[in-house]
Amino acid sequence: MGWFGPAGPQAVSVAEVDLRVGGRFRFVFGGPQGNEHEAAGVYKEVVPNRKLVFTWCWPRTTPERVSQIIILLRAEGSGTDMEFRHEQFFDEAARDGHKRGWSGTFDKLELFLKAKS
C-alpha cells in the first residue's frame, strides 16, 4: 500500500482488513515529523467488484466523529471507473481536511497504477 495516505511520504505501517459485512479495517500511516495517524471503520455493504460502503473514523483523536464512505466500481473499456463519496462529516473543516487527504491519496494511486502498466 505504498500509495495510501495524503501527499508526501506517508508509509503504511499497519493494514488490517476483514472485508465482509460487519468486518473491520484499520490502517496506521506515518505523518509529518513521524506522527502516526490511525483510521478505522466497519464494512456495512460489500458487493464484490461493484460496491463498498463503510464507516470511517480516527480512533486515536476523534473516535466519536464517524463518517461514511461509498465506493462504486464500473467496468469502463479496458479499465474500471471509480466513484468515491465520503459523507456525513462532523463539520466543514473535517470535510475540507478529508478532501485534501483523499486528493493526495488518489494522486499517489494514479502514479502507482501508471508505474504498473
PDB file of N, CA and C in Angstrom:
ATOM      1  N   MET A   1       0.828  -1.189   0.000  1.00  0.00           N
ATOM      2  CA  MET A   1       0.000   0.000   0.000  1.00  0.00           C
ATOM      3  C   MET A   1       0.871   1.251   0.000  1.00  0.00           C
ATOM      4  N   GLY A   2       1.853   1.281  -0.854  1.00  0.00           N
ATOM      5  CA  GLY A   2       2.730   2.434  -0.936  1.00  0.00           C
ATOM      6  C   GLY A   2       2.045   3.691  -1.424  1.00  0.00           C
ATOM      7  N   TRP A   3       0.850   3.570  -1.954  1.00  0.00           N
ATOM      8  CA  TRP A   3       0.131   4.736  -2.478  1.00  0.00           C
ATOM      9  C   TRP A   3      -0.853   5.330  -1.471  1.00  0.00           C
ATOM     10  N   PHE A   4      -1.129   4.666  -0.360  1.00  0.00           N
ATOM     11  CA  PHE A   4      -2.177   5.118   0.550  1.00  0.00           C
ATOM     12  C   PHE A   4      -1.683   6.237   1.454  1.00  0.00           C
ATOM     13  N   GLY A   5      -2.525   7.206   1.686  1.00  0.00           N
ATOM     14  CA  GLY A   5      -2.235   8.310   2.589  1.00  0.00           C
ATOM     15  C   GLY A   5      -2.128   9.615   1.827  1.00  0.00           C
ATOM     16  N   PRO A   6      -2.206  10.732   2.538  1.00  0.00           N
ATOM     17  CA  PRO A   6      -2.155  12.038   1.884  1.00  0.00           C
ATOM     18  C   PRO A   6      -0.797  12.282   1.222  1.00  0.00           C
ATOM     19  N   ALA A   7      -0.699  13.368   0.489  1.00  0.00           N
ATOM     20  CA  ALA A   7       0.531  13.705  -0.233  1.00  0.00           C
ATOM     21  C   ALA A   7       1.740  13.667   0.695  1.00  0.00           C
ATOM     22  N   GLY A   8       2.868  13.290   0.125  1.00  0.00           N
ATOM     23  CA  GLY A   8       4.104  13.212   0.893  1.00  0.00           C
ATOM     24  C   GLY A   8       4.395  11.793   1.324  1.00  0.00           C
ATOM     25  N   PRO A   9       5.513  11.616   1.991  1.00  0.00           N
ATOM     26  CA  PRO A   9       5.893  10.263   2.423  1.00  0.00           C
ATOM     27  C   PRO A   9       5.054   9.814   3.620  1.00  0.00           C
ATOM     28  N   GLN A  10       4.063   9.022   3.367  1.00  0.00           N
ATOM     29  CA  GLN A  10       3.137   8.560   4.399  1.00  0.00           C
ATOM     30  C   GLN A  10       3.108   7.034   4.416  1.00  0.00           C
ATOM     31  N   ALA A  11       4.176   6.394   4.797  1.00  0.00           N
ATOM     32  CA  ALA A  11       4.255   4.935   4.753  1.00  0.00           C
ATOM     33  C   ALA A  11       3.206   4.296   5.665  1.00  0.00           C
ATOM     34  N   VAL A  12       2.574   3.246   5.169  1.00  0.00           N
ATOM     35  CA  VAL A  12       1.599   2.480   5.947  1.00  0.00           C
ATOM     36  C   VAL A  12       2.361   1.453   6.773  1.00  0.00           C
ATOM     37  N   SER A  13       2.182   1.504   8.097  1.00  0.00           N
ATOM     38  CA  SER A  13       2.854   0.548   8.976  1.00  0.00           C
ATOM     39  C   SER A  13       1.934  -0.580   9.419  1.00  0.00           C
ATOM     40  N   VAL A  14       0.616  -0.357   9.359  1.00  0.00           N
ATOM     41  CA  VAL A  14      -0.361  -1.389   9.725  1.00  0.00           C
ATOM     42  C   VAL A  14      -1.504  -1.326   8.718  1.00  0.00           C
ATOM     43  N   ALA A  15      -1.888  -2.497   8.182  1.00  0.00           N
ATOM     44  CA  ALA A  15      -3.051  -2.598   7.301  1.00  0.00           C
ATOM     45  C   ALA A  15      -3.782  -3.881   7.659  1.00  0.00           C
ATOM     46  N   GLU A  16      -4.878  -3.747   8.388  1.00  0.00           N
ATOM     47  CA  GLU A  16      -5.694  -4.889   8.793  1.00  0.00           C
ATOM     48  C   GLU A  16      -7.055  -4.751   8.130  1.00  0.00           C
ATOM     49  N   VAL A  17      -7.479  -5.780   7.385  1.00  0.00           N
ATOM     50  CA  VAL A  17      -8.735  -5.723   6.637  1.00  0.00           C
ATOM     51  C   VAL A  17      -9.479  -7.036   6.793  1.00  0.00           C
ATOM     52  N   ASP A  18     -10.718  -6.970   7.245  1.00  0.00           N
ATOM     53  CA  ASP A  18     -11.624  -8.117   7.298  1.00  0.00           C
ATOM     54  C   ASP A  18     -12.805  -7.743   6.401  1.00  0.00           C
ATOM     55  N   LEU A  19     -12.646  -7.942   5.098  1.00  0.00           N
ATOM     56  CA  LEU A  19     -13.572  -7.425   4.086  1.00  0.00           C
ATOM     57  C   LEU A  19     -14.826  -8.288   3.966  1.00  0.00           C
ATOM     58  N   ARG A  20     -15.770  -8.032   4.854  1.00  0.00           N
ATOM     59  CA  ARG A  20     -17.094  -8.677   4.872  1.00  0.00           C
ATOM     60  C   ARG A  20     -18.017  -7.756   5.639  1.00  0.00           C
ATOM     61  N   VAL A  21     -19.311  -7.879   5.403  1.00  0.00           N
ATOM     62  CA  VAL A  21     -20.265  -7.055   6.148  1.00  0.00           C
ATOM     63  C   VAL A  21     -20.065  -7.313   7.639  1.00  0.00           C
ATOM     64  N   GLY A  22     -19.879  -6.241   8.385  1.00  0.00           N
ATOM     65  CA  GLY A  22     -19.609  -6.340   9.817  1.00  0.00           C
ATOM     66  C   GLY A  22     -18.127  -6.455  10.140  1.00  0.00           C
ATOM     67  N   GLY A  23     -17.309  -6.721   9.126  1.00  0.00           N
ATOM     68  CA  GLY A  23     -15.866  -6.808   9.332  1.00  0.00           C
ATOM     69  C   GLY A  23     -15.280  -5.423   9.553  1.00  0.00           C
ATOM     70  N   ARG A  24     -14.101  -5.386  10.125  1.00  0.00           N
ATOM     71  CA  ARG A  24     -13.446  -4.123  10.452  1.00  0.00           C
ATOM     72  C   ARG A  24     -12.163  -3.954   9.643  1.00  0.00           C
ATOM     73  N   PHE A  25     -11.741  -2.677   9.512  1.00  0.00           N
ATOM     74  CA  PHE A  25     -10.435  -2.390   8.939  1.00  0.00           C
ATOM     75  C   PHE A  25      -9.720  -1.404   9.852  1.00  0.00           C
ATOM     76  N   ARG A  26      -8.408  -1.379   9.713  1.00  0.00           N
ATOM     77  CA  ARG A  26      -7.581  -0.450  10.484  1.00  0.00           C
ATOM     78  C   ARG A  26      -6.306  -0.194   9.694  1.00  0.00           C
ATOM     79  N   PHE A  27      -5.978   1.078   9.497  1.00  0.00           N
ATOM     80  CA  PHE A  27      -4.745   1.482   8.832  1.00  0.00           C
ATOM     81  C   PHE A  27      -4.001   2.450   9.733  1.00  0.00           C
ATOM     82  N   VAL A  28      -2.709   2.282   9.820  1.00  0.00           N
ATOM     83  CA  VAL A  28      -1.853   3.230  10.524  1.00  0.00           C
ATOM     84  C   VAL A  28      -0.806   3.686   9.519  1.00  0.00           C
ATOM     85  N   PHE A  29      -0.675   4.992   9.363  1.00  0.00           N
ATOM     86  CA  PHE A  29       0.315   5.516   8.424  1.00  0.00           C
ATOM     87  C   PHE A  29       1.001   6.720   9.054  1.00  0.00           C
ATOM     88  N   GLY A  30       2.233   6.947   8.600  1.00  0.00           N
ATOM     89  CA  GLY A  30       3.072   7.991   9.194  1.00  0.00           C
ATOM     90  C   GLY A  30       2.673   9.382   8.761  1.00  0.00           C
ATOM     91  N   GLY A  31       2.796  10.300   9.663  1.00  0.00           N
ATOM     92  CA  GLY A  31       2.505  11.692   9.370  1.00  0.00           C
ATOM     93  C   GLY A  31       3.780  12.513   9.409  1.00  0.00           C
ATOM     94  N   PRO A  32       3.656  13.825   9.258  1.00  0.00           N
ATOM     95  CA  PRO A  32       4.830  14.696   9.324  1.00  0.00           C
ATOM     96  C   PRO A  32       5.544  14.557  10.673  1.00  0.00           C
ATOM     97  N   GLN A  33       6.849  14.692  10.655  1.00  0.00           N
ATOM     98  CA  GLN A  33       7.666  14.586  11.867  1.00  0.00           C
ATOM     99  C   GLN A  33       7.456  13.262  12.608  1.00  0.00           C
ATOM    100  N   GLY A  34       7.101  12.207  11.865  1.00  0.00           N
ATOM    101  CA  GLY A  34       6.959  10.888  12.469  1.00  0.00           C
ATOM    102  C   GLY A  34       5.660  10.646  13.219  1.00  0.00           C
ATOM    103  N   ASN A  35       4.712  11.580  13.169  1.00  0.00           N
ATOM    104  CA  ASN A  35       3.417  11.363  13.819  1.00  0.00           C
ATOM    105  C   ASN A  35       2.658  10.280  13.076  1.00  0.00           C
ATOM    106  N   GLU A  36       2.021   9.397  13.816  1.00  0.00           N
ATOM    107  CA  GLU A  36       1.224   8.354  13.183  1.00  0.00           C
ATOM    108  C   GLU A  36      -0.250   8.727  13.214  1.00  0.00           C
ATOM    109  N   HIS A  37      -0.941   8.334  12.159  1.00  0.00           N
ATOM    110  CA  HIS A  37      -2.384   8.522  12.064  1.00  0.00           C
ATOM    111  C   HIS A  37      -3.025   7.150  11.931  1.00  0.00           C
ATOM    112  N   GLU A  38      -4.124   6.943  12.645  1.00  0.00           N
ATOM    113  CA  GLU A  38      -4.837   5.672  12.576  1.00  0.00           C
ATOM    114  C   GLU A  38      -6.258   5.933  12.097  1.00  0.00           C
ATOM    115  N   ALA A  39      -6.664   5.215  11.044  1.00  0.00           N
ATOM    116  CA  ALA A  39      -8.036   5.272  10.540  1.00  0.00           C
ATOM    117  C   ALA A  39      -8.636   3.881  10.699  1.00  0.00           C
ATOM    118  N   ALA A  40      -9.932   3.834  11.016  1.00  0.00           N
ATOM    119  CA  ALA A  40     -10.586   2.543  11.230  1.00  0.00           C
ATOM    120  C   ALA A  40     -12.060   2.660  10.868  1.00  0.00           C
ATOM    121  N   GLY A  41     -12.692   1.519  10.679  1.00  0.00           N
ATOM    122  CA  GLY A  41     -14.110   1.514  10.388  1.00  0.00           C
ATOM    123  C   GLY A  41     -14.659   0.111  10.261  1.00  0.00           C
ATOM    124  N   VAL A  42     -15.938   0.058   9.898  1.00  0.00           N
ATOM    125  CA  VAL A  42     -16.677  -1.198   9.763  1.00  0.00           C
ATOM    126  C   VAL A  42     -17.327  -1.233   8.393  1.00  0.00           C
ATOM    127  N   TYR A  43     -17.222  -2.370   7.722  1.00  0.00           N
ATOM    128  CA  TYR A  43     -17.858  -2.547   6.413  1.00  0.00           C
ATOM    129  C   TYR A  43     -19.357  -2.772   6.591  1.00  0.00           C
ATOM    130  N   LYS A  44     -20.161  -1.943   5.914  1.00  0.00           N
ATOM    131  CA  LYS A  44     -21.616  -2.026   6.003  1.00  0.00           C
ATOM    132  C   LYS A  44     -22.224  -2.746   4.803  1.00  0.00           C
ATOM    133  N   GLU A  45     -21.588  -2.632   3.647  1.00  0.00           N
ATOM    134  CA  GLU A  45     -22.072  -3.284   2.432  1.00  0.00           C
ATOM    135  C   GLU A  45     -20.858  -3.674   1.587  1.00  0.00           C
ATOM    136  N   VAL A  46     -20.849  -4.916   1.117  1.00  0.00           N
ATOM    137  CA  VAL A  46     -19.756  -5.408   0.284  1.00  0.00           C
ATOM    138  C   VAL A  46     -20.362  -6.167  -0.899  1.00  0.00           C
ATOM    139  N   VAL A  47     -20.205  -5.609  -2.088  1.00  0.00           N
ATOM    140  CA  VAL A  47     -20.635  -6.265  -3.318  1.00  0.00           C
ATOM    141  C   VAL A  47     -19.372  -6.399  -4.174  1.00  0.00           C
ATOM    142  N   PRO A  48     -18.798  -7.602  -4.253  1.00  0.00           N
ATOM    143  CA  PRO A  48     -17.510  -7.776  -4.930  1.00  0.00           C
ATOM    144  C   PRO A  48     -17.479  -7.131  -6.318  1.00  0.00           C
ATOM    145  N   ASN A  49     -16.397  -6.399  -6.554  1.00  0.00           N
ATOM    146  CA  ASN A  49     -16.138  -5.734  -7.841  1.00  0.00           C
ATOM    147  C   ASN A  49     -17.152  -4.656  -8.205  1.00  0.00           C
ATOM    148  N   ARG A  50     -18.027  -4.256  -7.266  1.00  0.00           N
ATOM    149  CA  ARG A  50     -19.054  -3.262  -7.592  1.00  0.00           C
ATOM    150  C   ARG A  50     -19.237  -2.169  -6.556  1.00  0.00           C
ATOM    151  N   LYS A  51     -19.268  -2.552  -5.259  1.00  0.00           N
ATOM    152  CA  LYS A  51     -19.640  -1.540  -4.265  1.00  0.00           C
ATOM    153  C   LYS A  51     -19.074  -1.876  -2.887  1.00  0.00           C
ATOM    154  N   LEU A  52     -18.578  -0.819  -2.212  1.00  0.00           N
ATOM    155  CA  LEU A  52     -18.180  -0.900  -0.807  1.00  0.00           C
ATOM    156  C   LEU A  52     -18.803   0.278  -0.068  1.00  0.00           C
ATOM    157  N   VAL A  53     -19.367   0.010   1.089  1.00  0.00           N
ATOM    158  CA  VAL A  53     -19.866   1.055   1.975  1.00  0.00           C
ATOM    159  C   VAL A  53     -19.279   0.752   3.348  1.00  0.00           C
ATOM    160  N   PHE A  54     -18.630   1.755   3.953  1.00  0.00           N
ATOM    161  CA  PHE A  54     -18.027   1.521   5.255  1.00  0.00           C
ATOM    162  C   PHE A  54     -17.938   2.814   6.050  1.00  0.00           C
ATOM    163  N   THR A  55     -17.850   2.657   7.358  1.00  0.00           N
ATOM    164  CA  THR A  55     -17.665   3.812   8.235  1.00  0.00           C
ATOM    165  C   THR A  55     -16.191   4.182   8.254  1.00  0.00           C
ATOM    166  N   TRP A  56     -15.914   5.409   8.704  1.00  0.00           N
ATOM    167  CA  TRP A  56     -14.541   5.924   8.770  1.00  0.00           C
ATOM    168  C   TRP A  56     -14.413   6.790  10.007  1.00  0.00           C
ATOM    169  N   CYS A  57     -13.388   6.546  10.802  1.00  0.00           N
ATOM    170  CA  CYS A  57     -13.112   7.428  11.941  1.00  0.00           C
ATOM    171  C   CYS A  57     -11.623   7.411  12.254  1.00  0.00           C
ATOM    172  N   TRP A  58     -11.236   8.334  13.116  1.00  0.00           N
ATOM    173  CA  TRP A  58      -9.862   8.457  13.608  1.00  0.00           C
ATOM    174  C   TRP A  58      -9.910   8.070  15.085  1.00  0.00           C
ATOM    175  N   PRO A  59      -9.717   6.780  15.424  1.00  0.00           N
ATOM    176  CA  PRO A  59      -9.951   6.326  16.802  1.00  0.00           C
ATOM    177  C   PRO A  59      -9.025   6.926  17.843  1.00  0.00           C
ATOM    178  N   ARG A  60      -7.848   7.391  17.446  1.00  0.00           N
ATOM    179  CA  ARG A  60      -6.910   7.962  18.430  1.00  0.00           C
ATOM    180  C   ARG A  60      -7.251   9.399  18.783  1.00  0.00           C
ATOM    181  N   THR A  61      -7.896  10.115  17.852  1.00  0.00           N
ATOM    182  CA  THR A  61      -8.107  11.550  18.079  1.00  0.00           C
ATOM    183  C   THR A  61      -9.571  11.949  18.175  1.00  0.00           C
ATOM    184  N   THR A  62     -10.422  11.447  17.284  1.00  0.00           N
ATOM    185  CA  THR A  62     -11.843  11.830  17.299  1.00  0.00           C
ATOM    186  C   THR A  62     -12.722  10.601  17.013  1.00  0.00           C
ATOM    187  N   PRO A  63     -12.715   9.613  17.904  1.00  0.00           N
ATOM    188  CA  PRO A  63     -13.461   8.377  17.647  1.00  0.00           C
ATOM    189  C   PRO A  63     -14.979   8.576  17.541  1.00  0.00           C
ATOM    190  N   GLU A  64     -15.473   9.668  18.106  1.00  0.00           N
ATOM    191  CA  GLU A  64     -16.918   9.930  18.074  1.00  0.00           C
ATOM    192  C   GLU A  64     -17.369  10.505  16.732  1.00  0.00           C
ATOM    193  N   ARG A  65     -16.452  10.927  15.901  1.00  0.00           N
ATOM    194  CA  ARG A  65     -16.781  11.534  14.602  1.00  0.00           C
ATOM    195  C   ARG A  65     -16.727  10.471  13.515  1.00  0.00           C
ATOM    196  N   VAL A  66     -17.811   9.754  13.351  1.00  0.00           N
ATOM    197  CA  VAL A  66     -17.871   8.660  12.376  1.00  0.00           C
ATOM    198  C   VAL A  66     -18.536   9.171  11.101  1.00  0.00           C
ATOM    199  N   SER A  67     -17.833   9.024   9.998  1.00  0.00           N
ATOM    200  CA  SER A  67     -18.385   9.388   8.694  1.00  0.00           C
ATOM    201  C   SER A  67     -18.554   8.115   7.866  1.00  0.00           C
ATOM    202  N   GLN A  68     -19.004   8.278   6.634  1.00  0.00           N
ATOM    203  CA  GLN A  68     -19.278   7.111   5.789  1.00  0.00           C
ATOM    204  C   GLN A  68     -18.641   7.294   4.413  1.00  0.00           C
ATOM    205  N   ILE A  69     -18.121   6.186   3.876  1.00  0.00           N
ATOM    206  CA  ILE A  69     -17.539   6.183   2.537  1.00  0.00           C
ATOM    207  C   ILE A  69     -18.297   5.189   1.675  1.00  0.00           C
ATOM    208  N   ILE A  70     -18.591   5.610   0.449  1.00  0.00           N
ATOM    209  CA  ILE A  70     -19.227   4.750  -0.554  1.00  0.00           C
ATOM    210  C   ILE A  70     -18.313   4.729  -1.771  1.00  0.00           C
ATOM    211  N   ILE A  71     -17.948   3.539  -2.211  1.00  0.00           N
ATOM    212  CA  ILE A  71     -17.131   3.371  -3.404  1.00  0.00           C
ATOM    213  C   ILE A  71     -17.917   2.514  -4.385  1.00  0.00           C
ATOM    214  N   LEU A  72     -18.147   3.065  -5.582  1.00  0.00           N
ATOM    215  CA  LEU A  72     -18.837   2.339  -6.646  1.00  0.00           C
ATOM    216  C   LEU A  72     -17.844   2.093  -7.769  1.00  0.00           C
ATOM    217  N   LEU A  73     -17.798   0.864  -8.282  1.00  0.00           N
ATOM    218  CA  LEU A  73     -16.899   0.488  -9.364  1.00  0.00           C
ATOM    219  C   LEU A  73     -17.706   0.038 -10.577  1.00  0.00           C
ATOM    220  N   ARG A  74     -17.275   0.488 -11.778  1.00  0.00           N
ATOM    221  CA  ARG A  74     -17.945   0.105 -13.024  1.00  0.00           C
ATOM    222  C   ARG A  74     -16.887  -0.203 -14.074  1.00  0.00           C
ATOM    223  N   ALA A  75     -17.105  -1.288 -14.822  1.00  0.00           N
ATOM    224  CA  ALA A  75     -16.212  -1.581 -15.940  1.00  0.00           C
ATOM    225  C   ALA A  75     -16.325  -0.449 -16.946  1.00  0.00           C
ATOM    226  N   GLU A  76     -15.186   0.002 -17.437  1.00  0.00           N
ATOM    227  CA  GLU A  76     -15.151   1.114 -18.392  1.00  0.00           C
ATOM    228  C   GLU A  76     -14.058   0.801 -19.405  1.00  0.00           C
ATOM    229  N   GLY A  77     -14.460   0.331 -20.577  1.00  0.00           N
ATOM    230  CA  GLY A  77     -13.476  -0.057 -21.585  1.00  0.00           C
ATOM    231  C   GLY A  77     -12.609  -1.172 -21.047  1.00  0.00           C
ATOM    232  N   SER A  78     -11.302  -0.969 -21.085  1.00  0.00           N
ATOM    233  CA  SER A  78     -10.384  -1.992 -20.573  1.00  0.00           C
ATOM    234  C   SER A  78      -9.997  -1.727 -19.115  1.00  0.00           C
ATOM    235  N   GLY A  79     -10.665  -0.761 -18.494  1.00  0.00           N
ATOM    236  CA  GLY A  79     -10.341  -0.415 -17.118  1.00  0.00           C
ATOM    237  C   GLY A  79     -11.552  -0.398 -16.215  1.00  0.00           C
ATOM    238  N   THR A  80     -11.440   0.364 -15.152  1.00  0.00           N
ATOM    239  CA  THR A  80     -12.511   0.473 -14.156  1.00  0.00           C
ATOM    240  C   THR A  80     -12.701   1.932 -13.786  1.00  0.00           C
ATOM    241  N   ASP A  81     -13.950   2.367 -13.745  1.00  0.00           N
ATOM    242  CA  ASP A  81     -14.304   3.709 -13.299  1.00  0.00           C
ATOM    243  C   ASP A  81     -14.693   3.613 -11.829  1.00  0.00           C
ATOM    244  N   MET A  82     -14.165   4.507 -11.009  1.00  0.00           N
ATOM    245  CA  MET A  82     -14.476   4.501  -9.589  1.00  0.00           C
ATOM    246  C   MET A  82     -15.173   5.801  -9.213  1.00  0.00           C
ATOM    247  N   GLU A  83     -16.306   5.680  -8.532  1.00  0.00           N
ATOM    248  CA  GLU A  83     -16.975   6.832  -7.921  1.00  0.00           C
ATOM    249  C   GLU A  83     -16.736   6.725  -6.427  1.00  0.00           C
ATOM    250  N   PHE A  84     -16.184   7.766  -5.829  1.00  0.00           N
ATOM    251  CA  PHE A  84     -15.825   7.773  -4.419  1.00  0.00           C
ATOM    252  C   PHE A  84     -16.586   8.896  -3.725  1.00  0.00           C
ATOM    253  N   ARG A  85     -17.346   8.552  -2.685  1.00  0.00           N
ATOM    254  CA  ARG A  85     -18.072   9.562  -1.915  1.00  0.00           C
ATOM    255  C   ARG A  85     -17.759   9.383  -0.424  1.00  0.00           C
ATOM    256  N   HIS A  86     -17.328  10.449   0.189  1.00  0.00           N
ATOM    257  CA  HIS A  86     -17.111  10.458   1.627  1.00  0.00           C
ATOM    258  C   HIS A  86     -18.111  11.465   2.180  1.00  0.00           C
ATOM    259  N   GLU A  87     -18.978  11.030   3.100  1.00  0.00           N
ATOM    260  CA  GLU A  87     -20.090  11.878   3.548  1.00  0.00           C
ATOM    261  C   GLU A  87     -20.315  11.761   5.051  1.00  0.00           C
ATOM    262  N   GLN A  88     -21.256  12.550   5.536  1.00  0.00           N
ATOM    263  CA  GLN A  88     -21.665  12.578   6.944  1.00  0.00           C
ATOM    264  C   GLN A  88     -20.540  13.100   7.846  1.00  0.00           C
ATOM    265  N   PHE A  89     -19.911  14.203   7.418  1.00  0.00           N
ATOM    266  CA  PHE A  89     -18.826  14.802   8.193  1.00  0.00           C
ATOM    267  C   PHE A  89     -19.360  15.556   9.401  1.00  0.00           C
ATOM    268  N   PHE A  90     -18.531  15.672  10.409  1.00  0.00           N
ATOM    269  CA  PHE A  90     -18.863  16.405  11.627  1.00  0.00           C
ATOM    270  C   PHE A  90     -19.061  17.888  11.333  1.00  0.00           C
ATOM    271  N   ASP A  91     -18.194  18.445  10.471  1.00  0.00           N
ATOM    272  CA  ASP A  91     -18.304  19.860  10.120  1.00  0.00           C
ATOM    273  C   ASP A  91     -17.546  20.116   8.812  1.00  0.00           C
ATOM    274  N   GLU A  92     -17.577  21.360   8.350  1.00  0.00           N
ATOM    275  CA  GLU A  92     -16.924  21.702   7.084  1.00  0.00           C
ATOM    276  C   GLU A  92     -15.404  21.557   7.163  1.00  0.00           C
ATOM    277  N   ALA A  93     -14.824  21.850   8.305  1.00  0.00           N
ATOM    278  CA  ALA A  93     -13.375  21.707   8.450  1.00  0.00           C
ATOM    279  C   ALA A  93     -12.961  20.247   8.277  1.00  0.00           C
ATOM    280  N   ALA A  94     -13.731  19.326   8.844  1.00  0.00           N
ATOM    281  CA  ALA A  94     -13.441  17.895   8.674  1.00  0.00           C
ATOM    282  C   ALA A  94     -13.593  17.507   7.206  1.00  0.00           C
ATOM    283  N   ARG A  95     -14.636  17.996   6.567  1.00  0.00           N
ATOM    284  CA  ARG A  95     -14.849  17.713   5.133  1.00  0.00           C
ATOM    285  C   ARG A  95     -13.665  18.195   4.314  1.00  0.00           C
ATOM    286  N   ASP A  96     -13.241  19.422   4.549  1.00  0.00           N
ATOM    287  CA  ASP A  96     -12.151  20.010   3.769  1.00  0.00           C
ATOM    288  C   ASP A  96     -10.825  19.285   4.015  1.00  0.00           C
ATOM    289  N   GLY A  97     -10.571  18.906   5.247  1.00  0.00           N
ATOM    290  CA  GLY A  97      -9.343  18.170   5.560  1.00  0.00           C
ATOM    291  C   GLY A  97      -9.308  16.811   4.885  1.00  0.00           C
ATOM    292  N   HIS A  98     -10.440  16.133   4.895  1.00  0.00           N
ATOM    293  CA  HIS A  98     -10.502  14.832   4.223  1.00  0.00           C
ATOM    294  C   HIS A  98     -10.364  14.988   2.710  1.00  0.00           C
ATOM    295  N   LYS A  99     -10.934  16.045   2.162  1.00  0.00           N
ATOM    296  CA  LYS A  99     -10.802  16.275   0.722  1.00  0.00           C
ATOM    297  C   LYS A  99      -9.325  16.411   0.337  1.00  0.00           C
ATOM    298  N   ARG A 100      -8.560  17.162   1.131  1.00  0.00           N
ATOM    299  CA  ARG A 100      -7.121  17.301   0.859  1.00  0.00           C
ATOM    300  C   ARG A 100      -6.424  15.943   0.961  1.00  0.00           C
ATOM    301  N   GLY A 101      -6.747  15.190   1.997  1.00  0.00           N
ATOM    302  CA  GLY A 101      -6.112  13.885   2.196  1.00  0.00           C
ATOM    303  C   GLY A 101      -6.430  12.908   1.082  1.00  0.00           C
ATOM    304  N   TRP A 102      -7.704  12.830   0.709  1.00  0.00           N
ATOM    305  CA  TRP A 102      -8.091  11.898  -0.363  1.00  0.00           C
ATOM    306  C   TRP A 102      -7.521  12.340  -1.702  1.00  0.00           C
ATOM    307  N   SER A 103      -7.439  13.636  -1.956  1.00  0.00           N
ATOM    308  CA  SER A 103      -6.855  14.111  -3.217  1.00  0.00           C
ATOM    309  C   SER A 103      -5.408  13.647  -3.327  1.00  0.00           C
ATOM    310  N   GLY A 104      -4.649  13.776  -2.250  1.00  0.00           N
ATOM    311  CA  GLY A 104      -3.269  13.301  -2.250  1.00  0.00           C
ATOM    312  C   GLY A 104      -3.176  11.798  -2.437  1.00  0.00           C
ATOM    313  N   THR A 105      -4.075  11.070  -1.778  1.00  0.00           N
ATOM    314  CA  THR A 105      -4.092   9.614  -1.910  1.00  0.00           C
ATOM    315  C   THR A 105      -4.371   9.206  -3.353  1.00  0.00           C
ATOM    316  N   PHE A 106      -5.355   9.836  -3.979  1.00  0.00           N
ATOM    317  CA  PHE A 106      -5.701   9.459  -5.359  1.00  0.00           C
ATOM    318  C   PHE A 106      -4.611   9.869  -6.343  1.00  0.00           C
ATOM    319  N   ASP A 107      -3.916  10.969  -6.083  1.00  0.00           N
ATOM    320  CA  ASP A 107      -2.763  11.342  -6.921  1.00  0.00           C
ATOM    321  C   ASP A 107      -1.691  10.258  -6.839  1.00  0.00           C
ATOM    322  N   LYS A 108      -1.423   9.772  -5.612  1.00  0.00           N
ATOM    323  CA  LYS A 108      -0.422   8.725  -5.432  1.00  0.00           C
ATOM    324  C   LYS A 108      -0.889   7.409  -6.058  1.00  0.00           C
ATOM    325  N   LEU A 109      -2.174   7.102  -5.966  1.00  0.00           N
ATOM    326  CA  LEU A 109      -2.704   5.888  -6.588  1.00  0.00           C
ATOM    327  C   LEU A 109      -2.544   5.949  -8.104  1.00  0.00           C
ATOM    328  N   GLU A 110      -2.818   7.097  -8.687  1.00  0.00           N
ATOM    329  CA  GLU A 110      -2.665   7.254 -10.145  1.00  0.00           C
ATOM    330  C   GLU A 110      -1.222   6.978 -10.572  1.00  0.00           C
ATOM    331  N   LEU A 111      -0.268   7.532  -9.855  1.00  0.00           N
ATOM    332  CA  LEU A 111       1.143   7.284 -10.168  1.00  0.00           C
ATOM    333  C   LEU A 111       1.505   5.801 -10.002  1.00  0.00           C
ATOM    334  N   PHE A 112       0.974   5.186  -8.959  1.00  0.00           N
ATOM    335  CA  PHE A 112       1.218   3.769  -8.701  1.00  0.00           C
ATOM    336  C   PHE A 112       0.694   2.921  -9.862  1.00  0.00           C
ATOM    337  N   LEU A 113      -0.534   3.197 -10.307  1.00  0.00           N
ATOM    338  CA  LEU A 113      -1.133   2.420 -11.391  1.00  0.00           C
ATOM    339  C   LEU A 113      -0.398   2.646 -12.723  1.00  0.00           C
ATOM    340  N   LYS A 114       0.037   3.868 -12.970  1.00  0.00           N
ATOM    341  CA  LYS A 114       0.799   4.139 -14.198  1.00  0.00           C
ATOM    342  C   LYS A 114       2.112   3.367 -14.194  1.00  0.00           C
ATOM    343  N   ALA A 115       2.748   3.278 -13.049  1.00  0.00           N
ATOM    344  CA  ALA A 115       4.015   2.544 -12.953  1.00  0.00           C
ATOM    345  C   ALA A 115       3.819   1.040 -13.171  1.00  0.00           C
ATOM    346  N   LYS A 116       2.605   0.531 -12.859  1.00  0.00           N
ATOM    347  CA  LYS A 116       2.296  -0.888 -13.031  1.00  0.00           C
ATOM    348  C   LYS A 116       1.950  -1.246 -14.466  1.00  0.00           C
ATOM    349  N   SER A 117       1.583  -0.230 -15.278  1.00  0.00           N
ATOM    350  CA  SER A 117       1.137  -0.536 -16.649  1.00  0.00           C
ATOM    351  C   SER A 117       2.264  -0.466 -17.648  1.00  0.00           C
TER     352      SER A 117
END
